[in-house]
N, C-alpha and C. Protein backbone atom coordinates (compact mmCIF):
# COMPACT_ATOMS: atom_id res chain seq x y z
N MET A 1 79.58 82.91 82.44
CA MET A 1 79.91 84.04 83.25
C MET A 1 80.80 85.00 83.06
N LYS A 2 80.58 86.12 83.16
CA LYS A 2 81.51 87.28 82.23
C LYS A 2 82.56 87.77 83.08
N VAL A 3 83.56 87.92 82.97
CA VAL A 3 84.71 88.33 84.07
C VAL A 3 84.86 89.85 83.65
N GLY A 4 84.74 90.48 85.03
CA GLY A 4 84.62 91.98 84.74
C GLY A 4 86.19 92.42 85.32
N TYR A 5 86.50 93.75 84.57
CA TYR A 5 87.56 94.20 85.10
C TYR A 5 87.39 95.73 85.74
N ASP A 6 87.08 95.95 86.95
CA ASP A 6 86.87 97.12 87.60
C ASP A 6 87.59 98.00 88.35
N ASN A 7 87.89 99.10 88.06
CA ASN A 7 88.66 100.25 88.39
C ASN A 7 90.22 99.69 88.44
N ASN A 8 90.33 99.56 86.96
CA ASN A 8 91.64 99.47 86.75
C ASN A 8 92.16 101.06 86.72
N SER A 9 93.58 100.96 87.40
CA SER A 9 93.88 102.27 87.23
C SER A 9 95.14 102.55 86.29
N ASP A 10 95.56 103.55 85.86
CA ASP A 10 96.60 104.09 84.90
C ASP A 10 97.31 105.18 85.61
N ASP A 11 98.79 105.42 85.64
CA ASP A 11 99.43 106.44 85.99
C ASP A 11 99.53 107.57 84.66
N ALA A 12 100.03 108.43 85.13
CA ALA A 12 99.88 109.60 84.13
C ALA A 12 101.19 109.10 83.00
N LEU A 13 101.66 108.18 82.89
CA LEU A 13 102.65 107.71 81.90
C LEU A 13 101.85 106.38 81.25
N GLY A 14 100.40 106.22 81.41
CA GLY A 14 99.84 105.10 81.01
C GLY A 14 99.87 103.82 81.31
N ARG A 15 100.99 103.61 82.47
CA ARG A 15 101.38 102.12 82.92
C ARG A 15 100.00 101.78 83.83
N ARG A 16 99.62 100.66 83.63
CA ARG A 16 98.71 100.05 84.49
C ARG A 16 99.30 100.04 86.04
N ILE A 17 98.91 100.85 87.09
CA ILE A 17 99.32 100.55 88.30
C ILE A 17 98.32 99.78 89.13
N LYS A 18 97.05 99.35 88.75
CA LYS A 18 96.15 98.33 89.53
C LYS A 18 95.16 97.62 88.73
N LYS A 19 95.06 96.40 89.19
CA LYS A 19 93.87 95.70 88.06
C LYS A 19 93.09 95.21 89.28
N VAL A 20 91.58 95.30 89.16
CA VAL A 20 90.58 94.58 90.00
C VAL A 20 89.72 93.81 89.31
N VAL A 21 89.85 92.41 89.77
CA VAL A 21 89.12 91.24 88.66
C VAL A 21 88.05 91.04 89.58
N THR A 22 86.66 91.13 89.08
CA THR A 22 85.78 90.44 89.76
C THR A 22 84.85 89.29 88.97
N ASN A 23 83.92 88.72 89.44
CA ASN A 23 83.28 87.68 88.54
C ASN A 23 83.92 86.64 87.87
N SER A 24 84.78 86.06 88.53
CA SER A 24 86.03 85.23 88.13
C SER A 24 86.42 84.05 88.96
N GLY A 25 85.62 84.09 89.93
CA GLY A 25 85.40 83.02 91.09
C GLY A 25 87.12 83.04 91.51
N ASP A 26 87.81 81.71 91.56
CA ASP A 26 89.20 81.77 92.19
C ASP A 26 89.91 83.07 91.86
N HIS A 27 89.67 83.64 90.80
CA HIS A 27 90.70 84.77 90.10
C HIS A 27 90.28 86.08 90.71
N ASP A 28 89.40 86.25 91.30
CA ASP A 28 89.13 87.55 91.86
C ASP A 28 90.11 88.22 92.88
N GLY A 29 90.12 89.46 92.62
CA GLY A 29 91.27 90.05 93.19
C GLY A 29 91.58 91.30 92.59
N THR A 30 92.92 91.75 93.51
CA THR A 30 93.35 93.08 93.14
C THR A 30 94.83 92.73 92.87
N VAL A 31 95.50 93.28 91.97
CA VAL A 31 97.11 92.89 91.69
C VAL A 31 97.39 94.57 91.41
N VAL A 32 98.45 94.99 92.23
CA VAL A 32 98.89 96.25 92.20
C VAL A 32 100.42 96.00 91.69
N TYR A 33 100.90 96.94 90.68
CA TYR A 33 102.01 96.72 89.95
C TYR A 33 102.95 98.02 90.51
N TYR A 34 104.18 97.44 90.55
CA TYR A 34 105.21 98.55 91.04
C TYR A 34 106.43 98.68 89.98
N TYR A 35 106.53 99.91 89.49
CA TYR A 35 107.82 99.87 88.35
C TYR A 35 108.99 100.61 88.78
N LYS A 36 110.00 100.60 88.07
CA LYS A 36 111.06 101.06 88.06
C LYS A 36 111.29 101.33 86.63
N GLY A 37 111.33 102.66 86.27
CA GLY A 37 110.85 103.31 84.99
C GLY A 37 109.92 102.44 84.13
N HIS A 38 110.07 102.08 82.94
CA HIS A 38 108.87 101.54 82.39
C HIS A 38 108.42 99.84 82.58
N GLN A 39 109.66 99.42 83.64
CA GLN A 39 109.89 98.04 83.96
C GLN A 39 109.07 97.42 85.04
N ILE A 40 108.18 96.53 85.01
CA ILE A 40 107.65 96.15 86.37
C ILE A 40 108.54 95.25 87.02
N ILE A 41 108.81 95.97 88.29
CA ILE A 41 109.83 95.17 89.44
C ILE A 41 108.94 94.24 90.37
N GLU A 42 108.02 94.56 90.45
CA GLU A 42 107.10 93.82 91.58
C GLU A 42 105.56 93.98 91.32
N THR A 43 105.07 92.90 91.60
CA THR A 43 103.26 92.93 91.61
C THR A 43 102.96 92.47 93.47
N GLY A 44 101.80 92.78 93.35
CA GLY A 44 101.44 92.46 94.89
C GLY A 44 100.00 92.68 94.90
N ASP A 45 99.13 92.10 96.12
CA ASP A 45 97.76 92.65 96.22
C ASP A 45 97.43 93.66 97.22
N GLY A 46 98.69 94.36 97.17
CA GLY A 46 98.66 95.76 98.14
C GLY A 46 98.31 95.53 99.72
N SER A 47 98.66 94.72 99.93
CA SER A 47 98.55 94.13 101.51
C SER A 47 100.27 93.91 101.99
N ILE A 48 101.02 93.68 101.52
CA ILE A 48 102.33 93.80 101.55
C ILE A 48 102.94 95.27 101.11
N PRO A 49 103.90 95.77 101.79
CA PRO A 49 104.57 97.08 101.45
C PRO A 49 105.53 96.55 100.20
N PRO A 50 105.48 97.52 99.17
CA PRO A 50 106.59 97.01 98.25
C PRO A 50 107.94 96.76 98.66
N GLY A 51 108.71 96.11 97.90
CA GLY A 51 110.23 95.77 98.48
C GLY A 51 110.29 94.82 99.55
N SER A 52 108.99 94.17 99.87
CA SER A 52 109.27 93.32 101.06
C SER A 52 109.86 92.07 100.62
N GLY A 53 110.05 91.96 99.09
CA GLY A 53 110.61 90.52 98.57
C GLY A 53 109.45 89.54 98.21
N CYS A 54 108.01 89.89 98.46
CA CYS A 54 107.10 89.05 98.32
C CYS A 54 106.58 89.37 97.28
N SER A 55 106.18 88.85 95.80
CA SER A 55 105.44 89.23 94.83
C SER A 55 104.78 88.02 94.11
N ILE A 56 103.78 88.32 93.34
CA ILE A 56 102.76 87.52 92.66
C ILE A 56 103.12 87.74 91.23
N PRO A 57 103.22 86.72 90.27
CA PRO A 57 103.17 86.92 88.97
C PRO A 57 102.30 87.99 88.38
N PRO A 58 102.60 88.66 87.74
CA PRO A 58 101.74 89.17 86.95
C PRO A 58 100.46 88.59 85.82
N ARG A 59 99.26 88.77 85.72
CA ARG A 59 98.29 88.23 85.33
C ARG A 59 97.97 88.72 83.72
């Protein structure tokens, strides 16, 4: 089975802001990246507002 990465989004500075993974079973999902400068300070699935203290490790 081939893992697909669909709808990856970058901002104007070339930083990844969203990654959507498909066709990988339990790993399917969306990861949203939040930055302070060029450093990732939080990641989430987009369902919880940034800064709420809930984050998931970057994949």
